[in-house]
Amino acid sequence: EVFNKHNIDIIPKYVSEDYKQHNPFVADGRKAFMDFFKEDFVKNPNSSAEIKRVVAEGDTVALHVHSRTNSQDKGVAIVDIFRIKDGKIVEHWDVIQEIPSEVANDNTMF
């Protein structure tokens, strides 16, 4: 809903107000998270994300995601790690890797 339909209005339903961010390009707090993606969706109106894997243990959920700025973009592979408390995301880490044009094997990143 948020990343494919660009509906930032539903973020308060899922993200805590005191959300802690470990990505160095996004400030802490739900408002900063919303502001970051509001601007990103304006710059990339055709961006999308496809969740490839979900792993959950205790209060932690990890996603393996293929994110693209448009349908022609090779995109990036992302691993997002979330800490959940009282049904909302309270903390986030991520690792982002570009999908290269040339690869050393026939395996995909997904």
N, C-alpha and C. Protein backbone atom coordinates (compact mmCIF):
# COMPACT_ATOMS: atom_id res chain seq x y z
N GLU A 1 0.84 -1.20 0.00
CA GLU A 1 0.00 0.00 0.00
C GLU A 1 0.88 1.26 0.00
N VAL A 2 1.86 1.31 0.89
CA VAL A 2 2.73 2.50 0.98
C VAL A 2 3.66 2.57 -0.23
N PHE A 3 4.37 1.48 -0.51
CA PHE A 3 5.44 1.56 -1.50
C PHE A 3 4.99 1.30 -2.94
N ASN A 4 3.84 0.71 -3.15
CA ASN A 4 3.36 0.49 -4.51
C ASN A 4 2.24 1.44 -4.90
N LYS A 5 1.44 1.85 -3.94
CA LYS A 5 0.37 2.82 -4.22
C LYS A 5 0.75 4.22 -3.75
N HIS A 6 1.90 4.32 -3.08
CA HIS A 6 2.44 5.59 -2.59
C HIS A 6 1.47 6.29 -1.63
N ASN A 7 0.82 5.50 -0.81
CA ASN A 7 -0.16 6.01 0.15
C ASN A 7 0.51 6.23 1.50
N ILE A 8 1.10 7.41 1.69
CA ILE A 8 1.78 7.69 2.95
C ILE A 8 0.80 7.97 4.09
N ASP A 9 -0.46 8.20 3.77
CA ASP A 9 -1.45 8.51 4.80
C ASP A 9 -1.71 7.34 5.75
N ILE A 10 -1.39 6.12 5.33
CA ILE A 10 -1.61 4.97 6.21
C ILE A 10 -0.40 4.66 7.10
N ILE A 11 0.70 5.38 6.91
CA ILE A 11 1.91 5.11 7.70
C ILE A 11 1.66 5.18 9.20
N PRO A 12 0.90 6.14 9.73
CA PRO A 12 0.67 6.16 11.18
C PRO A 12 0.04 4.88 11.74
N LYS A 13 -0.65 4.14 10.91
CA LYS A 13 -1.26 2.87 11.34
C LYS A 13 -0.19 1.82 11.63
N TYR A 14 0.96 1.93 10.97
CA TYR A 14 1.99 0.90 11.04
C TYR A 14 3.30 1.33 11.69
N VAL A 15 3.55 2.63 11.79
CA VAL A 15 4.84 3.13 12.27
C VAL A 15 4.64 3.96 13.53
N SER A 16 5.42 3.66 14.55
CA SER A 16 5.34 4.38 15.82
C SER A 16 5.81 5.83 15.65
N GLU A 17 5.25 6.71 16.44
CA GLU A 17 5.64 8.13 16.37
C GLU A 17 7.11 8.33 16.72
N ASP A 18 7.63 7.51 17.65
CA ASP A 18 9.03 7.65 18.06
C ASP A 18 9.94 6.65 17.34
N TYR A 19 9.58 6.32 16.12
CA TYR A 19 10.31 5.41 15.23
C TYR A 19 11.80 5.77 15.18
N LYS A 20 12.66 4.76 15.37
CA LYS A 20 14.11 4.96 15.34
C LYS A 20 14.65 4.41 14.02
N GLN A 21 15.40 5.23 13.30
CA GLN A 21 15.89 4.92 11.96
C GLN A 21 17.40 4.75 11.98
N HIS A 22 17.90 3.66 11.38
CA HIS A 22 19.35 3.43 11.29
C HIS A 22 19.90 3.72 9.90
N ASN A 23 19.03 4.01 8.93
CA ASN A 23 19.49 4.43 7.61
C ASN A 23 20.05 5.85 7.77
N PRO A 24 21.30 6.10 7.36
CA PRO A 24 21.91 7.41 7.59
C PRO A 24 21.30 8.56 6.79
N PHE A 25 20.42 8.26 5.86
CA PHE A 25 19.83 9.31 5.02
C PHE A 25 18.42 9.71 5.44
N VAL A 26 17.90 9.07 6.48
CA VAL A 26 16.54 9.36 6.96
C VAL A 26 16.61 9.65 8.45
N ALA A 27 15.97 10.73 8.88
CA ALA A 27 15.98 11.10 10.29
C ALA A 27 15.05 10.19 11.10
N ASP A 28 15.22 10.22 12.41
CA ASP A 28 14.33 9.49 13.32
C ASP A 28 12.93 10.09 13.30
N GLY A 29 11.96 9.29 13.71
CA GLY A 29 10.59 9.77 13.88
C GLY A 29 9.70 9.45 12.69
N ARG A 30 8.42 9.20 13.00
CA ARG A 30 7.44 8.87 11.95
C ARG A 30 7.29 10.00 10.95
N LYS A 31 7.27 11.25 11.40
CA LYS A 31 7.10 12.38 10.49
C LYS A 31 8.25 12.44 9.49
N ALA A 32 9.48 12.24 9.96
CA ALA A 32 10.64 12.25 9.06
C ALA A 32 10.55 11.13 8.03
N PHE A 33 10.09 9.96 8.46
CA PHE A 33 9.89 8.82 7.55
C PHE A 33 8.87 9.18 6.48
N MET A 34 7.75 9.77 6.90
CA MET A 34 6.71 10.16 5.95
C MET A 34 7.20 11.24 4.99
N ASP A 35 7.91 12.24 5.52
CA ASP A 35 8.43 13.32 4.67
C ASP A 35 9.42 12.78 3.64
N PHE A 36 10.29 11.85 4.06
CA PHE A 36 11.28 11.28 3.15
C PHE A 36 10.59 10.59 1.97
N PHE A 37 9.60 9.76 2.26
CA PHE A 37 8.95 9.02 1.18
C PHE A 37 7.99 9.87 0.37
N LYS A 38 7.42 10.88 0.98
CA LYS A 38 6.58 11.80 0.22
C LYS A 38 7.42 12.45 -0.89
N GLU A 39 8.61 12.91 -0.54
CA GLU A 39 9.52 13.52 -1.52
C GLU A 39 10.01 12.48 -2.54
N ASP A 40 10.34 11.29 -2.06
CA ASP A 40 10.83 10.23 -2.95
C ASP A 40 9.76 9.83 -3.97
N PHE A 41 8.51 9.75 -3.56
CA PHE A 41 7.44 9.36 -4.48
C PHE A 41 7.15 10.45 -5.51
N VAL A 42 7.41 11.71 -5.17
CA VAL A 42 7.28 12.79 -6.16
C VAL A 42 8.38 12.65 -7.21
N LYS A 43 9.61 12.35 -6.76
CA LYS A 43 10.74 12.18 -7.67
C LYS A 43 10.62 10.91 -8.51
N ASN A 44 10.01 9.89 -7.94
CA ASN A 44 9.91 8.58 -8.60
C ASN A 44 8.46 8.09 -8.58
N PRO A 45 7.60 8.71 -9.39
CA PRO A 45 6.16 8.40 -9.33
C PRO A 45 5.80 6.98 -9.77
N ASN A 46 6.71 6.30 -10.46
CA ASN A 46 6.44 4.94 -10.92
C ASN A 46 7.22 3.89 -10.14
N SER A 47 7.76 4.28 -8.98
CA SER A 47 8.54 3.33 -8.19
C SER A 47 7.64 2.24 -7.62
N SER A 48 8.27 1.08 -7.39
CA SER A 48 7.54 -0.06 -6.84
C SER A 48 8.48 -0.94 -6.03
N ALA A 49 7.89 -1.78 -5.20
CA ALA A 49 8.66 -2.71 -4.39
C ALA A 49 7.97 -4.06 -4.40
N GLU A 50 8.76 -5.12 -4.60
CA GLU A 50 8.22 -6.47 -4.58
C GLU A 50 8.91 -7.26 -3.47
N ILE A 51 8.14 -7.69 -2.50
CA ILE A 51 8.69 -8.47 -1.39
C ILE A 51 8.93 -9.89 -1.88
N LYS A 52 10.18 -10.34 -1.75
CA LYS A 52 10.56 -11.67 -2.20
C LYS A 52 10.57 -12.69 -1.05
N ARG A 53 10.96 -12.24 0.15
CA ARG A 53 11.04 -13.12 1.31
C ARG A 53 10.69 -12.34 2.57
N VAL A 54 10.11 -13.06 3.52
CA VAL A 54 9.81 -12.50 4.84
C VAL A 54 10.31 -13.50 5.88
N VAL A 55 11.05 -13.00 6.86
CA VAL A 55 11.52 -13.82 7.96
C VAL A 55 11.13 -13.11 9.25
N ALA A 56 10.54 -13.84 10.18
CA ALA A 56 10.12 -13.23 11.44
C ALA A 56 10.58 -14.09 12.61
N GLU A 57 11.05 -13.42 13.66
CA GLU A 57 11.44 -14.10 14.89
C GLU A 57 11.25 -13.12 16.04
N GLY A 58 10.41 -13.49 16.99
CA GLY A 58 10.16 -12.62 18.13
C GLY A 58 9.59 -11.29 17.68
N ASP A 59 10.25 -10.21 18.09
CA ASP A 59 9.79 -8.86 17.73
C ASP A 59 10.46 -8.30 16.48
N THR A 60 11.14 -9.18 15.72
CA THR A 60 11.90 -8.73 14.56
C THR A 60 11.37 -9.37 13.27
N VAL A 61 11.23 -8.54 12.24
CA VAL A 61 10.80 -9.00 10.92
C VAL A 61 11.81 -8.51 9.89
N ALA A 62 12.24 -9.40 8.99
CA ALA A 62 13.16 -9.02 7.92
C ALA A 62 12.49 -9.27 6.58
N LEU A 63 12.69 -8.34 5.66
CA LEU A 63 12.15 -8.45 4.30
C LEU A 63 13.30 -8.42 3.29
N HIS A 64 13.21 -9.26 2.27
CA HIS A 64 14.12 -9.21 1.12
C HIS A 64 13.28 -8.63 -0.01
N VAL A 65 13.67 -7.47 -0.52
CA VAL A 65 12.81 -6.69 -1.41
C VAL A 65 13.53 -6.33 -2.71
N HIS A 66 12.80 -6.38 -3.81
CA HIS A 66 13.28 -5.87 -5.10
C HIS A 66 12.57 -4.54 -5.32
N SER A 67 13.33 -3.46 -5.27
CA SER A 67 12.76 -2.11 -5.40
C SER A 67 13.23 -1.49 -6.71
N ARG A 68 12.29 -0.84 -7.40
CA ARG A 68 12.61 -0.20 -8.69
C ARG A 68 12.05 1.22 -8.72
N THR A 69 12.74 2.11 -9.44
CA THR A 69 12.22 3.47 -9.61
C THR A 69 11.21 3.54 -10.74
N ASN A 70 11.30 2.57 -11.70
CA ASN A 70 10.33 2.47 -12.80
C ASN A 70 10.44 1.07 -13.40
N SER A 71 9.58 0.73 -14.34
CA SER A 71 9.54 -0.64 -14.87
C SER A 71 10.77 -1.01 -15.70
N GLN A 72 11.52 -0.03 -16.21
CA GLN A 72 12.73 -0.32 -16.98
C GLN A 72 13.97 -0.41 -16.10
N ASP A 73 13.88 0.02 -14.87
CA ASP A 73 14.99 0.03 -13.92
C ASP A 73 15.30 -1.39 -13.45
N LYS A 74 16.59 -1.79 -13.44
CA LYS A 74 16.97 -3.09 -12.89
C LYS A 74 16.68 -3.13 -11.40
N GLY A 75 16.78 -1.97 -10.78
CA GLY A 75 16.43 -1.85 -9.37
C GLY A 75 17.56 -2.15 -8.42
N VAL A 76 17.18 -2.32 -7.18
CA VAL A 76 18.11 -2.63 -6.10
C VAL A 76 17.53 -3.76 -5.26
N ALA A 77 18.43 -4.51 -4.64
CA ALA A 77 18.04 -5.52 -3.67
C ALA A 77 18.15 -4.88 -2.29
N ILE A 78 17.12 -5.02 -1.50
CA ILE A 78 17.10 -4.42 -0.17
C ILE A 78 16.78 -5.49 0.86
N VAL A 79 17.48 -5.45 1.97
CA VAL A 79 17.09 -6.22 3.14
C VAL A 79 16.71 -5.19 4.20
N ASP A 80 15.44 -5.20 4.57
CA ASP A 80 14.92 -4.34 5.62
C ASP A 80 14.74 -5.18 6.87
N ILE A 81 15.15 -4.64 8.01
CA ILE A 81 14.94 -5.31 9.29
C ILE A 81 14.15 -4.35 10.17
N PHE A 82 13.05 -4.85 10.70
CA PHE A 82 12.16 -4.02 11.53
C PHE A 82 12.03 -4.63 12.92
N ARG A 83 11.99 -3.77 13.93
CA ARG A 83 11.63 -4.19 15.28
C ARG A 83 10.20 -3.71 15.52
N ILE A 84 9.36 -4.60 16.00
CA ILE A 84 7.94 -4.33 16.19
C ILE A 84 7.63 -4.28 17.68
N LYS A 85 6.82 -3.31 18.08
CA LYS A 85 6.35 -3.22 19.47
C LYS A 85 4.89 -2.76 19.44
N ASP A 86 4.04 -3.47 20.14
CA ASP A 86 2.61 -3.14 20.19
C ASP A 86 2.00 -3.01 18.79
N GLY A 87 2.45 -3.86 17.86
CA GLY A 87 1.87 -3.89 16.52
C GLY A 87 2.36 -2.82 15.57
N LYS A 88 3.36 -2.04 15.99
CA LYS A 88 3.88 -0.98 15.12
C LYS A 88 5.40 -1.09 14.97
N ILE A 89 5.90 -0.58 13.85
CA ILE A 89 7.34 -0.55 13.62
C ILE A 89 7.94 0.53 14.51
N VAL A 90 8.92 0.14 15.33
CA VAL A 90 9.57 1.10 16.22
C VAL A 90 11.04 1.35 15.85
N GLU A 91 11.60 0.45 15.02
CA GLU A 91 13.01 0.60 14.67
C GLU A 91 13.25 -0.07 13.32
N HIS A 92 14.21 0.48 12.55
CA HIS A 92 14.46 -0.01 11.19
C HIS A 92 15.95 0.06 10.84
N TRP A 93 16.42 -1.01 10.21
CA TRP A 93 17.75 -1.07 9.61
C TRP A 93 17.58 -1.51 8.16
N ASP A 94 18.49 -1.12 7.28
CA ASP A 94 18.43 -1.64 5.92
C ASP A 94 19.80 -1.71 5.28
N VAL A 95 19.90 -2.61 4.31
CA VAL A 95 21.09 -2.75 3.49
C VAL A 95 20.59 -2.74 2.05
N ILE A 96 21.20 -1.89 1.21
CA ILE A 96 20.74 -1.72 -0.17
C ILE A 96 21.89 -2.02 -1.11
N GLN A 97 21.63 -2.87 -2.11
CA GLN A 97 22.66 -3.28 -3.06
C GLN A 97 22.13 -3.13 -4.48
N GLU A 98 22.87 -2.40 -5.31
CA GLU A 98 22.46 -2.25 -6.71
C GLU A 98 22.55 -3.58 -7.45
N ILE A 99 21.67 -3.77 -8.40
CA ILE A 99 21.71 -4.96 -9.24
C ILE A 99 22.63 -4.65 -10.41
N PRO A 100 23.75 -5.38 -10.53
CA PRO A 100 24.73 -5.06 -11.57
C PRO A 100 24.29 -5.50 -12.96
N SER A 101 24.87 -4.85 -13.97
CA SER A 101 24.60 -5.23 -15.36
C SER A 101 25.30 -6.53 -15.73
N GLU A 102 26.50 -6.71 -15.20
CA GLU A 102 27.27 -7.92 -15.47
C GLU A 102 27.39 -8.73 -14.20
N VAL A 103 27.19 -10.05 -14.33
CA VAL A 103 27.26 -10.93 -13.16
C VAL A 103 28.19 -12.10 -13.43
N ALA A 104 28.71 -12.71 -12.37
CA ALA A 104 29.66 -13.81 -12.50
C ALA A 104 28.98 -15.18 -12.52
N ASN A 105 27.64 -15.22 -12.34
CA ASN A 105 26.92 -16.50 -12.34
C ASN A 105 25.52 -16.30 -12.90
N ASP A 106 24.79 -17.40 -13.05
CA ASP A 106 23.43 -17.33 -13.60
C ASP A 106 22.36 -17.17 -12.52
N ASN A 107 22.76 -17.05 -11.29
CA ASN A 107 21.80 -16.89 -10.19
C ASN A 107 21.32 -15.44 -10.15
N THR A 108 20.10 -15.25 -9.75
CA THR A 108 19.63 -13.87 -9.57
C THR A 108 19.87 -13.46 -8.12
N MET A 109 19.68 -12.20 -7.83
CA MET A 109 19.82 -11.73 -6.45
C MET A 109 18.57 -12.04 -5.63
N PHE A 110 17.58 -12.65 -6.28
CA PHE A 110 16.33 -12.94 -5.59
C PHE A 110 15.99 -14.40 -5.63
